[in-house]
Amino acid sequence: MDLSHVVLDSLNSGHSSDSSSFRLAHSPHNPLSVTGRFHTELWSSAQQAHSKYYGAEGLATLESIASDSFRIYHLSTDADKLVGPEDLSELPKDTIPPVNKWDYAQEYGPTVSWISNNSEFDYDFDPDDALPLIQRSIILLGENRESVFVEVENFYLAFFARYYYDYASVTDLIIFRARERFKTSDCLKQGMLSTAILFRANYEQSGLVNSLRDHARELHSLTVQTLRAELDDHQVSPWVKLSGAMELVNHEYYAGNLSSYYHHLSQAASLVKTILQSDTMDLLDLGGEHTFDIRLFAWCDIMGSMALSRPTLIWYESKIPDSPQQVVGEHHAHPDKGVEWIFGCPDVLAILLARTTNLRHTEVSEEEKVARGKVIEKLIRRSQFRLVRAKGSIMRVARLAAQELWRHAAILYVHHAIFKSGRSHSVVQDSVKNIVRLASTLKAGVNPDCFLSVPYFIAGFSAISPKHRHILRSRVLSCGNERFLRHLAEALDDLWKESDATGGSTSWAGDHPPKFIF
């Protein structure tokens, strides 16, 4: 049975007045909230809607290979799923990449196998033993009025540890908050479903993979249309518009939709400025459940500016405490503060990465730029981070290693963007070696490793030895099965080829259209 069409049918029949009215942020810090009702008339076009994927040549082939490999090997439990030659024989000739198809499948095919049911949770998939609590919260909250929400509940049960870095911090809240978010607007509903189904398509080993992938595209296209209508509706709160935009950005990140990802991120920037009534944000001071999408935007903006080598869309001004004790505090990362609990990068480092990017594009003398860069590097090196949260010692050590991976990635970024240090620079190679060493302590493809593709990419870009390049490229690909990871690996191949041919330094940015996402 094709469950993707069941989801569409449930959406169609469950489109009640509750799903078309908007819940607004409850915080008193939300002065821009307005009331109103909004109805979308786009459901009838759902069957015809299709999203367009952007990316480097050959990635369409990858998607076909990945889908077929899941179909052929759905009974296998091996961690590394390989593709047989029979899966390559029916590929359209105009989609064949400029390398041997078998080699291409081995290089870029899916690498991570994930659980397909929730009856038993392995340590790798739930190291903090949090998923049984989510199951109980689903039971306690009772059946949702919209039956299609079960797709979202199953998504959290299956992929929670791949979706949030410190997922145990929101175990008792996530299903309730997801239900509230789901019924806030049509755009959010469609976006959440599209992401849930996309994850199943990327990781599920069953005959439904192809239909799930098609349905994720349909829902994505429908979300784009709904967001367009909501942005034009003056009765819709800017907070709700931002939530819809960021849900779409989130989907496009995991789908690897490069051009549309950056386009919708730019739309979100104007909404953030409207909400804040400023083009400056203090990420370290921003707090509250209602600020989730603003904080999510901040992270995507900081990473996007690094990937594209452009200034951030919002200016980030936060005071970095002089005393390490002030940075550490007494608490772990909190779901209503910062972004560390979502992505694993300490919040202080996120601010310093943004500061590095904007210094890169500041009109000052090179001497002044280098002087400021040295201050940033000093802050990166001396910063102490919040305590890591983990149930067991193995995960606690792994998350400490992840923090240090981000520290060394930030050092490499300062040397690349500000100091223009060559790959052979001693500091650069020390950080590359440290990232390789730290990565060797982490199991590939699971939490926290699956959140570390950016440090692996930055270290890979700076690597000189073939051994380090091979290790870091492999770590990028082994973070997961998402398309954006294949973008990063292909970008590394191109950058190494260019630098080896010219013998000089290269930049990972400047391609139009962009070739990858951080």
Protein backbone atom coordinates (compact mmCIF):
# COMPACT_ATOMS: atom_id res chain seq x y z
CA MET A 1 0.00 0.00 0.00
CA ASP A 2 1.33 3.45 -0.91
CA LEU A 3 1.20 5.32 2.41
CA SER A 4 2.15 8.63 0.82
CA HIS A 5 -1.28 8.90 -0.79
CA VAL A 6 -2.91 8.06 2.53
CA VAL A 7 -1.11 11.08 3.96
CA LEU A 8 -2.42 13.31 1.17
CA ASP A 9 -5.96 11.99 1.58
CA SER A 10 -5.81 12.55 5.33
CA LEU A 11 -4.60 16.09 4.81
CA ASN A 12 -7.42 16.76 2.38
CA SER A 13 -10.15 15.42 4.63
CA GLY A 14 -8.71 16.94 7.80
CA HIS A 15 -8.56 20.50 6.50
CA SER A 16 -10.84 21.96 9.14
CA SER A 17 -11.26 25.46 10.45
CA ASP A 18 -8.81 24.57 13.23
CA SER A 19 -6.07 23.93 10.70
CA SER A 20 -6.67 27.20 8.89
CA SER A 21 -6.60 29.50 11.90
CA PHE A 22 -3.35 30.75 13.30
CA ARG A 23 -2.10 30.36 16.82
CA LEU A 24 0.17 33.24 17.71
CA ALA A 25 3.07 33.40 20.12
CA HIS A 26 1.89 33.75 23.72
CA SER A 27 4.91 35.63 24.99
CA PRO A 28 4.43 39.23 26.13
CA HIS A 29 7.56 39.98 24.10
CA ASN A 30 5.53 39.51 20.92
CA PRO A 31 4.16 43.02 20.24
CA LEU A 32 3.58 42.32 16.56
CA SER A 33 1.10 39.47 16.92
CA VAL A 34 -2.25 40.01 15.22
CA THR A 35 -5.40 37.96 14.98
CA GLY A 36 -7.07 36.66 11.87
CA ARG A 37 -8.05 33.63 9.82
CA PHE A 38 -6.49 32.38 6.67
CA HIS A 39 -7.74 29.71 4.29
CA THR A 40 -5.69 28.13 1.55
CA GLU A 41 -7.29 26.93 -1.65
CA LEU A 42 -4.30 24.97 -2.87
CA TRP A 43 -5.23 21.46 -1.83
CA SER A 44 -6.75 20.50 -5.18
CA SER A 45 -3.40 21.04 -6.88
CA ALA A 46 -1.51 18.71 -4.56
CA GLN A 47 -1.40 15.81 -6.98
CA GLN A 48 0.13 17.98 -9.72
CA ALA A 49 2.63 19.81 -7.51
CA HIS A 50 6.28 18.91 -7.84
CA SER A 51 9.39 20.47 -6.37
CA LYS A 52 12.58 21.02 -8.32
CA TYR A 53 15.89 19.84 -6.95
CA TYR A 54 19.01 21.89 -7.66
CA GLY A 55 22.60 20.78 -7.47
CA ALA A 56 25.72 19.50 -9.19
CA GLU A 57 25.46 17.26 -12.24
CA GLY A 58 24.99 13.65 -11.30
CA LEU A 59 22.98 14.17 -8.13
CA ALA A 60 19.77 13.20 -9.89
CA THR A 61 21.52 9.94 -10.67
CA LEU A 62 22.47 9.60 -7.03
CA GLU A 63 18.84 9.92 -6.00
CA SER A 64 17.84 7.17 -8.43
CA ILE A 65 20.67 4.95 -7.23
CA ALA A 66 19.84 5.60 -3.59
CA SER A 67 16.16 4.81 -4.08
CA ASP A 68 16.89 1.59 -5.95
CA SER A 69 19.50 0.50 -3.43
CA PHE A 70 16.98 0.82 -0.60
CA ARG A 71 14.49 -1.22 -2.61
CA ILE A 72 16.93 -4.00 -3.44
CA TYR A 73 18.56 -4.25 -0.05
CA HIS A 74 15.65 -3.54 2.29
CA LEU A 75 16.10 -6.88 4.07
CA SER A 76 19.78 -6.35 4.80
CA THR A 77 21.00 -5.13 8.17
CA ASP A 78 24.52 -4.16 7.11
CA ALA A 79 25.57 -0.66 8.06
CA ASP A 80 26.93 0.20 4.62
CA LYS A 81 24.37 -0.38 1.84
CA LEU A 82 25.97 -1.10 -1.52
CA VAL A 83 24.37 -0.90 -4.93
CA GLY A 84 24.45 -3.79 -7.35
CA PRO A 85 25.14 -3.36 -11.08
CA GLU A 86 21.54 -4.25 -11.86
CA ASP A 87 20.45 -1.02 -10.19
CA LEU A 88 22.48 1.02 -12.66
CA SER A 89 21.41 -0.58 -15.92
CA GLU A 90 18.17 1.36 -16.40
CA LEU A 91 19.50 4.86 -15.76
CA PRO A 92 18.73 7.37 -18.53
CA LYS A 93 21.84 7.94 -20.61
CA ASP A 94 21.65 11.71 -20.26
CA THR A 95 21.90 11.44 -16.47
CA ILE A 96 25.05 9.32 -16.36
CA PRO A 97 27.76 11.22 -14.47
CA PRO A 98 31.15 11.69 -16.13
CA VAL A 99 32.58 8.71 -14.20
CA ASN A 100 31.89 5.00 -14.17
CA LYS A 101 28.39 4.50 -12.75
CA TRP A 102 29.43 1.69 -10.45
CA ASP A 103 32.28 3.74 -9.00
CA TYR A 104 29.96 6.70 -8.61
CA ALA A 105 27.47 4.60 -6.66
CA GLN A 106 30.23 3.34 -4.39
CA GLU A 107 31.51 6.85 -3.77
CA TYR A 108 28.24 8.73 -3.29
CA GLY A 109 25.62 6.13 -2.42
CA PRO A 110 23.80 6.08 0.95
CA THR A 111 26.06 5.12 3.84
CA VAL A 112 23.86 5.06 6.94
CA SER A 113 21.29 2.43 7.82
CA TRP A 114 18.67 3.52 10.35
CA ILE A 115 16.03 1.64 12.30
CA SER A 116 12.81 1.04 10.38
CA ASN A 117 10.53 0.42 13.37
CA ASN A 118 10.24 1.60 16.94
CA SER A 119 9.74 -1.67 18.76
CA GLU A 120 13.27 -1.77 20.16
CA PHE A 121 15.76 1.08 20.50
CA ASP A 122 19.43 0.36 19.99
CA TYR A 123 22.00 2.42 21.90
CA ASP A 124 23.32 3.97 18.68
CA PHE A 125 19.88 5.34 17.87
CA ASP A 126 18.93 6.44 21.39
CA PRO A 127 22.06 6.83 23.54
CA ASP A 128 20.20 8.96 26.10
CA ASP A 129 17.34 6.45 26.45
CA ALA A 130 14.79 9.17 25.71
CA LEU A 131 12.56 7.64 23.04
CA PRO A 132 10.45 5.53 25.44
CA LEU A 133 9.53 8.80 27.16
CA ILE A 134 8.35 10.20 23.83
CA GLN A 135 6.22 7.10 23.32
CA ARG A 136 4.63 7.66 26.71
CA SER A 137 4.00 11.34 26.00
CA ILE A 138 2.21 10.40 22.77
CA ILE A 139 -0.03 8.04 24.72
CA LEU A 140 -0.68 10.56 27.50
CA LEU A 141 -1.58 13.36 25.08
CA GLY A 142 -4.08 11.07 23.40
CA GLU A 143 -5.13 10.80 19.79
CA ASN A 144 -4.73 13.94 17.72
CA ARG A 145 -7.76 15.30 15.86
CA GLU A 146 -5.79 15.20 12.62
CA SER A 147 -4.84 11.60 12.00
CA VAL A 148 -2.08 12.58 9.60
CA PHE A 149 -0.08 13.94 12.56
CA VAL A 150 0.88 10.35 13.33
CA GLU A 151 3.43 10.72 10.51
CA VAL A 152 5.13 13.47 12.54
CA GLU A 153 4.99 11.42 15.75
CA ASN A 154 6.59 8.46 13.98
CA PHE A 155 9.21 10.81 12.57
CA TYR A 156 10.28 11.88 16.06
CA LEU A 157 10.28 8.29 17.30
CA ALA A 158 12.52 7.19 14.44
CA PHE A 159 14.78 10.19 13.81
CA PHE A 160 14.78 12.30 16.98
CA ALA A 161 18.48 11.68 17.68
CA ARG A 162 19.37 12.68 14.10
CA TYR A 163 17.23 15.82 14.17
CA TYR A 164 18.21 17.47 17.47
CA TYR A 165 21.73 17.25 18.84
CA ASP A 166 20.73 17.31 22.52
CA TYR A 167 17.43 15.60 21.86
CA ALA A 168 16.93 14.46 25.46
CA SER A 169 16.61 18.10 26.55
CA VAL A 170 13.18 18.36 24.93
CA THR A 171 11.90 14.81 25.39
CA ASP A 172 9.06 15.86 27.68
CA LEU A 173 8.10 18.82 25.47
CA ILE A 174 8.61 17.85 21.86
CA ILE A 175 5.34 16.12 20.99
CA PHE A 176 3.22 18.80 22.68
CA ARG A 177 5.17 21.57 20.95
CA ALA A 178 5.06 19.72 17.64
CA ARG A 179 1.27 19.41 17.89
CA GLU A 180 0.91 23.11 18.61
CA ARG A 181 3.23 23.99 15.74
CA PHE A 182 1.43 21.60 13.39
CA LYS A 183 -1.94 23.28 13.83
CA THR A 184 -0.59 26.83 13.68
CA SER A 185 -0.83 27.18 9.90
CA ASP A 186 -1.22 25.22 6.69
CA CYS A 187 2.34 26.09 5.71
CA LEU A 188 3.74 24.62 8.91
CA LYS A 189 1.59 21.53 8.58
CA GLN A 190 2.73 20.86 5.02
CA GLY A 191 6.36 21.68 5.82
CA MET A 192 6.52 19.39 8.83
CA LEU A 193 4.97 16.53 6.88
CA SER A 194 7.30 17.05 3.92
CA THR A 195 10.36 16.84 6.18
CA ALA A 196 9.05 13.79 8.03
CA ILE A 197 8.42 11.97 4.77
CA LEU A 198 11.76 13.10 3.32
CA PHE A 199 13.59 11.49 6.26
CA ARG A 200 11.72 8.25 5.65
CA ALA A 201 12.68 8.39 1.97
CA ASN A 202 16.33 8.97 2.87
CA TYR A 203 16.58 6.20 5.45
CA GLU A 204 13.70 3.76 5.15
CA GLN A 205 14.59 0.44 3.56
CA SER A 206 11.34 -0.57 1.91
CA GLY A 207 9.54 -0.61 -1.39
CA LEU A 208 7.83 2.67 -0.51
CA VAL A 209 10.99 4.76 -0.90
CA ASN A 210 10.30 6.01 -4.43
CA SER A 211 6.70 6.98 -3.69
CA LEU A 212 7.76 8.63 -0.43
CA ARG A 213 10.36 10.67 -2.27
CA ASP A 214 7.78 11.77 -4.84
CA HIS A 215 5.32 12.67 -2.12
CA ALA A 216 7.93 14.70 -0.22
CA ARG A 217 8.42 16.72 -3.41
CA GLU A 218 4.69 17.27 -3.76
CA LEU A 219 4.35 18.48 -0.19
CA HIS A 220 7.39 20.71 -0.58
CA SER A 221 5.91 22.34 -3.67
CA LEU A 222 2.60 22.78 -1.88
CA THR A 223 4.40 24.39 1.07
CA VAL A 224 6.11 26.85 -1.28
CA GLN A 225 2.74 27.91 -2.72
CA THR A 226 1.14 28.19 0.71
CA LEU A 227 3.99 30.29 2.06
CA ARG A 228 3.71 32.62 -0.91
CA ALA A 229 0.03 33.16 -0.12
CA GLU A 230 0.70 33.65 3.60
CA LEU A 231 3.43 36.21 2.95
CA ASP A 232 0.91 38.28 0.97
CA ASP A 233 -1.77 38.06 3.67
CA HIS A 234 -1.53 41.07 5.99
CA GLN A 235 -3.71 39.34 8.60
CA VAL A 236 -1.06 36.70 9.24
CA SER A 237 1.38 37.46 12.05
CA PRO A 238 5.05 37.94 11.08
CA TRP A 239 5.84 35.28 13.69
CA VAL A 240 3.68 32.74 11.88
CA LYS A 241 5.12 33.74 8.52
CA LEU A 242 8.64 33.26 9.89
CA SER A 243 7.78 29.84 11.28
CA GLY A 244 6.46 28.77 7.88
CA ALA A 245 9.50 30.13 6.08
CA MET A 246 11.92 28.38 8.43
CA GLU A 247 10.04 25.10 8.19
CA LEU A 248 10.54 25.35 4.43
CA VAL A 249 14.22 26.30 4.82
CA ASN A 250 14.66 23.31 7.12
CA HIS A 251 13.19 20.93 4.55
CA GLU A 252 15.29 22.38 1.75
CA TYR A 253 18.44 21.92 3.81
CA TYR A 254 17.86 18.20 4.25
CA ALA A 255 16.69 17.87 0.64
CA GLY A 256 19.70 19.74 -0.72
CA ASN A 257 17.55 22.24 -2.64
CA LEU A 258 20.35 24.77 -2.97
CA SER A 259 18.87 27.73 -4.81
CA SER A 260 15.48 27.67 -3.09
CA TYR A 261 17.15 27.22 0.31
CA TYR A 262 19.05 30.49 0.03
CA HIS A 263 16.05 32.26 -1.50
CA HIS A 264 13.73 31.37 1.37
CA LEU A 265 16.45 32.15 3.90
CA SER A 266 16.57 35.68 2.48
CA GLN A 267 12.79 35.94 2.83
CA ALA A 268 13.08 34.82 6.44
CA ALA A 269 15.67 37.55 7.08
CA SER A 270 13.18 40.32 6.27
CA LEU A 271 10.65 38.73 8.63
CA VAL A 272 13.22 38.54 11.43
CA LYS A 273 14.02 42.23 10.97
CA THR A 274 10.31 43.03 11.15
CA ILE A 275 9.85 41.02 14.35
CA LEU A 276 12.95 42.40 16.05
CA GLN A 277 12.36 45.87 14.61
CA SER A 278 16.10 45.89 14.06
CA ASP A 279 18.75 44.42 11.80
CA THR A 280 20.84 43.43 14.84
CA MET A 281 20.39 40.35 17.04
CA ASP A 282 21.89 39.33 20.38
CA LEU A 283 21.76 35.57 20.03
CA LEU A 284 23.27 34.91 23.46
CA ASP A 285 20.56 36.97 25.14
CA LEU A 286 17.62 35.81 23.03
CA GLY A 287 15.39 33.37 24.89
CA GLY A 288 11.94 31.84 25.13
CA GLU A 289 10.04 29.15 23.29
CA HIS A 290 8.59 31.76 20.92
CA THR A 291 12.10 32.67 19.68
CA PHE A 292 12.81 29.18 18.30
CA ASP A 293 12.47 30.18 14.64
CA ILE A 294 14.54 33.34 15.13
CA ARG A 295 17.34 31.28 16.63
CA LEU A 296 17.00 28.68 13.89
CA PHE A 297 17.28 31.46 11.31
CA ALA A 298 20.39 32.83 13.04
CA TRP A 299 22.19 29.51 12.71
CA CYS A 300 21.21 29.06 9.05
CA ASP A 301 22.27 32.64 8.34
CA ILE A 302 25.67 32.21 9.99
CA MET A 303 26.33 28.94 8.18
CA GLY A 304 25.01 30.31 4.87
CA SER A 305 27.27 33.34 5.06
CA MET A 306 30.27 31.07 5.60
CA ALA A 307 29.35 28.81 2.69
CA LEU A 308 28.69 31.69 0.27
CA SER A 309 31.44 34.02 1.54
CA ARG A 310 29.00 36.89 2.03
CA PRO A 311 28.05 39.02 5.04
CA THR A 312 25.36 37.68 7.33
CA LEU A 313 21.81 38.84 6.57
CA ILE A 314 21.45 40.01 10.19
CA TRP A 315 24.16 41.64 12.28
CA TYR A 316 25.03 39.59 15.38
CA GLU A 317 26.13 41.58 18.40
CA SER A 318 26.68 39.66 21.62
CA LYS A 319 29.05 40.39 24.48
CA ILE A 320 31.58 37.60 24.85
CA PRO A 321 32.30 37.39 28.61
CA ASP A 322 35.90 38.05 29.59
CA SER A 323 35.79 35.47 32.36
CA PRO A 324 35.54 31.82 31.30
CA GLN A 325 33.39 31.18 34.36
CA GLN A 326 30.80 33.61 33.01
CA VAL A 327 30.64 31.62 29.79
CA VAL A 328 30.26 28.23 31.43
CA GLY A 329 27.66 29.12 34.02
CA GLU A 330 25.91 26.34 35.93
CA HIS A 331 23.62 24.99 33.24
CA HIS A 332 23.60 22.85 30.14
CA ALA A 333 22.37 24.04 26.76
CA HIS A 334 18.66 24.84 27.06
CA PRO A 335 15.99 24.35 24.35
CA ASP A 336 14.70 27.89 24.85
CA LYS A 337 18.14 29.49 24.55
CA GLY A 338 20.68 29.52 21.73
CA VAL A 339 21.27 26.85 19.09
CA GLU A 340 23.74 24.43 20.68
CA TRP A 341 21.02 21.98 21.72
CA ILE A 342 19.87 21.79 18.08
CA PHE A 343 23.13 21.69 16.13
CA GLY A 344 25.89 20.96 18.64
CA CYS A 345 27.98 24.08 18.03
CA PRO A 346 28.52 26.03 21.28
CA ASP A 347 26.61 29.31 21.13
CA VAL A 348 29.73 31.38 21.83
CA LEU A 349 31.44 29.83 18.81
CA ALA A 350 28.40 30.53 16.64
CA ILE A 351 28.74 34.22 17.49
CA LEU A 352 32.49 34.16 16.84
CA LEU A 353 31.92 32.50 13.47
CA ALA A 354 29.48 35.29 12.57
CA ARG A 355 31.96 37.87 13.81
CA THR A 356 34.67 36.32 11.62
CA THR A 357 32.46 36.42 8.55
CA ASN A 358 31.48 40.04 9.00
CA LEU A 359 35.08 41.07 9.72
CA ARG A 360 36.02 39.45 6.43
CA HIS A 361 33.68 41.84 4.62
CA THR A 362 34.40 44.95 6.71
CA GLU A 363 36.06 47.86 4.91
CA VAL A 364 39.17 48.30 7.06
CA SER A 365 42.88 48.02 6.40
CA GLU A 366 44.43 44.55 6.26
CA GLU A 367 46.48 45.38 9.35
CA GLU A 368 43.34 46.25 11.31
CA LYS A 369 41.56 43.18 10.00
CA VAL A 370 44.41 40.89 11.08
CA ALA A 371 44.55 42.55 14.50
CA ARG A 372 40.83 41.98 15.05
CA GLY A 373 41.19 38.44 13.74
CA LYS A 374 43.81 37.70 16.38
CA VAL A 375 41.36 38.83 19.06
CA ILE A 376 38.71 36.48 17.64
CA GLU A 377 41.16 33.57 17.51
CA LYS A 378 42.13 34.22 21.13
CA LEU A 379 38.46 34.15 22.16
CA ILE A 380 37.93 30.92 20.24
CA ARG A 381 40.86 29.25 21.96
CA ARG A 382 40.06 30.40 25.50
CA SER A 383 36.28 29.94 25.46
CA GLN A 384 34.90 27.36 27.81
CA PHE A 385 31.54 25.91 26.95
CA ARG A 386 28.42 24.83 28.74
CA LEU A 387 28.45 21.44 30.40
CA VAL A 388 27.42 18.64 28.08
CA ARG A 389 24.31 16.63 28.88
CA ALA A 390 24.45 12.86 28.47
CA LYS A 391 23.13 9.84 30.30
CA GLY A 392 26.28 7.77 29.89
CA SER A 393 30.00 8.47 29.96
CA ILE A 394 30.52 7.40 26.33
CA MET A 395 28.10 10.01 25.01
CA ARG A 396 29.44 12.62 27.42
CA VAL A 397 32.97 12.16 26.07
CA ALA A 398 31.65 12.16 22.49
CA ARG A 399 29.89 15.49 22.98
CA LEU A 400 32.98 17.00 24.56
CA ALA A 401 34.87 15.89 21.45
CA ALA A 402 32.19 17.50 19.27
CA GLN A 403 32.66 20.82 21.06
CA GLU A 404 36.40 20.68 20.42
CA LEU A 405 35.79 19.79 16.77
CA TRP A 406 33.80 22.99 16.41
CA ARG A 407 36.56 24.94 18.18
CA HIS A 408 39.18 23.76 15.69
CA ALA A 409 36.82 24.38 12.77
CA ALA A 410 36.42 27.97 14.00
CA ILE A 411 40.20 28.37 14.19
CA LEU A 412 40.54 27.09 10.62
CA TYR A 413 37.84 29.50 9.47
CA VAL A 414 39.63 32.51 10.98
CA HIS A 415 42.85 31.50 9.26
CA HIS A 416 41.05 31.00 5.96
CA ALA A 417 38.84 34.09 5.99
CA ILE A 418 40.98 36.67 7.82
CA PHE A 419 44.64 35.64 7.88
CA LYS A 420 44.58 34.01 4.41
CA SER A 421 46.87 31.31 5.82
CA GLY A 422 48.02 28.65 3.39
CA ARG A 423 47.26 24.99 3.93
CA SER A 424 50.83 24.32 5.06
CA HIS A 425 50.61 26.84 7.92
CA SER A 426 51.48 25.09 11.19
CA VAL A 427 48.32 26.27 13.00
CA VAL A 428 46.15 25.12 10.10
CA GLN A 429 47.69 21.66 10.00
CA ASP A 430 47.55 21.33 13.79
CA SER A 431 43.80 21.95 13.72
CA VAL A 432 43.32 19.55 10.79
CA LYS A 433 45.17 16.83 12.71
CA ASN A 434 43.16 17.53 15.85
CA ILE A 435 39.88 17.23 13.96
CA VAL A 436 41.01 13.93 12.41
CA ARG A 437 42.07 12.67 15.84
CA LEU A 438 38.83 13.73 17.51
CA ALA A 439 36.76 12.25 14.68
CA SER A 440 38.44 8.88 15.22
CA THR A 441 36.86 8.74 18.68
CA LEU A 442 33.32 9.12 17.31
CA LYS A 443 31.18 6.41 15.78
CA ALA A 444 30.28 7.48 12.25
CA GLY A 445 26.71 8.26 11.25
CA VAL A 446 25.08 8.55 14.67
CA ASN A 447 24.68 11.31 17.27
CA PRO A 448 26.82 13.44 17.66
CA ASP A 449 28.79 12.60 14.50
CA CYS A 450 25.81 13.23 12.20
CA PHE A 451 25.89 16.93 13.17
CA LEU A 452 29.57 17.50 12.30
CA SER A 453 29.67 17.70 8.51
CA VAL A 454 30.74 21.38 8.55
CA PRO A 455 33.84 20.85 10.74
CA TYR A 456 34.75 17.83 8.61
CA PHE A 457 34.35 19.86 5.42
CA ILE A 458 36.41 22.82 6.69
CA ALA A 459 39.18 20.48 7.86
CA GLY A 460 39.01 18.59 4.57
CA PHE A 461 39.36 21.83 2.63
CA SER A 462 42.55 22.60 4.58
CA ALA A 463 43.97 19.06 4.49
CA ILE A 464 47.15 18.35 2.54
CA SER A 465 47.91 14.67 2.96
CA PRO A 466 45.92 12.13 0.90
CA LYS A 467 45.26 10.18 4.10
CA HIS A 468 43.65 13.13 5.88
CA ARG A 469 41.65 14.04 2.78
CA HIS A 470 40.33 10.52 2.44
CA ILE A 471 39.38 10.33 6.13
CA LEU A 472 37.61 13.69 6.18
CA ARG A 473 35.76 13.17 2.91
CA SER A 474 34.58 9.80 4.21
CA ARG A 475 33.43 11.41 7.46
CA VAL A 476 31.38 13.97 5.53
CA LEU A 477 29.62 11.24 3.57
CA SER A 478 29.12 9.01 6.59
CA CYS A 479 27.24 11.73 8.49
CA GLY A 480 24.06 10.57 6.75
CA ASN A 481 22.26 9.90 3.49
CA GLU A 482 21.14 13.47 2.77
CA ARG A 483 21.86 15.09 -0.55
CA PHE A 484 23.62 18.12 0.96
CA LEU A 485 26.36 15.79 2.23
CA ARG A 486 26.97 14.61 -1.34
CA HIS A 487 27.21 18.26 -2.36
CA LEU A 488 29.93 18.79 0.24
CA ALA A 489 31.90 15.72 -0.85
CA GLU A 490 31.76 16.74 -4.52
CA ALA A 491 32.85 20.26 -3.57
CA LEU A 492 35.88 18.86 -1.74
CA ASP A 493 36.82 16.81 -4.81
CA ASP A 494 36.63 19.90 -7.01
CA LEU A 495 38.54 22.11 -4.56
CA TRP A 496 41.35 19.60 -4.13
CA LYS A 497 41.63 19.18 -7.87
CA GLU A 498 41.83 22.95 -8.33
CA SER A 499 44.38 23.52 -5.57
CA ASP A 500 46.57 20.63 -6.70
CA ALA A 501 46.51 21.91 -10.28
CA THR A 502 47.36 25.52 -9.41
CA GLY A 503 49.57 24.85 -6.42
CA GLY A 504 48.01 27.79 -4.62
CA SER A 505 45.23 28.61 -2.21
CA THR A 506 41.61 28.37 -3.30
CA SER A 507 38.32 29.55 -1.86
CA TRP A 508 35.35 27.28 -1.29
CA ALA A 509 32.91 30.09 -2.13
CA GLY A 510 32.05 32.12 -5.18
CA ASP A 511 30.16 29.63 -7.33
CA HIS A 512 26.92 30.85 -8.89
CA PRO A 513 24.59 29.13 -8.47
CA PRO A 514 25.95 27.83 -5.13
CA LYS A 515 27.09 24.23 -5.02
CA PHE A 516 26.59 23.35 -1.37
CA ILE A 517 25.01 24.24 1.97
CA PHE A 518 26.60 24.38 5.41
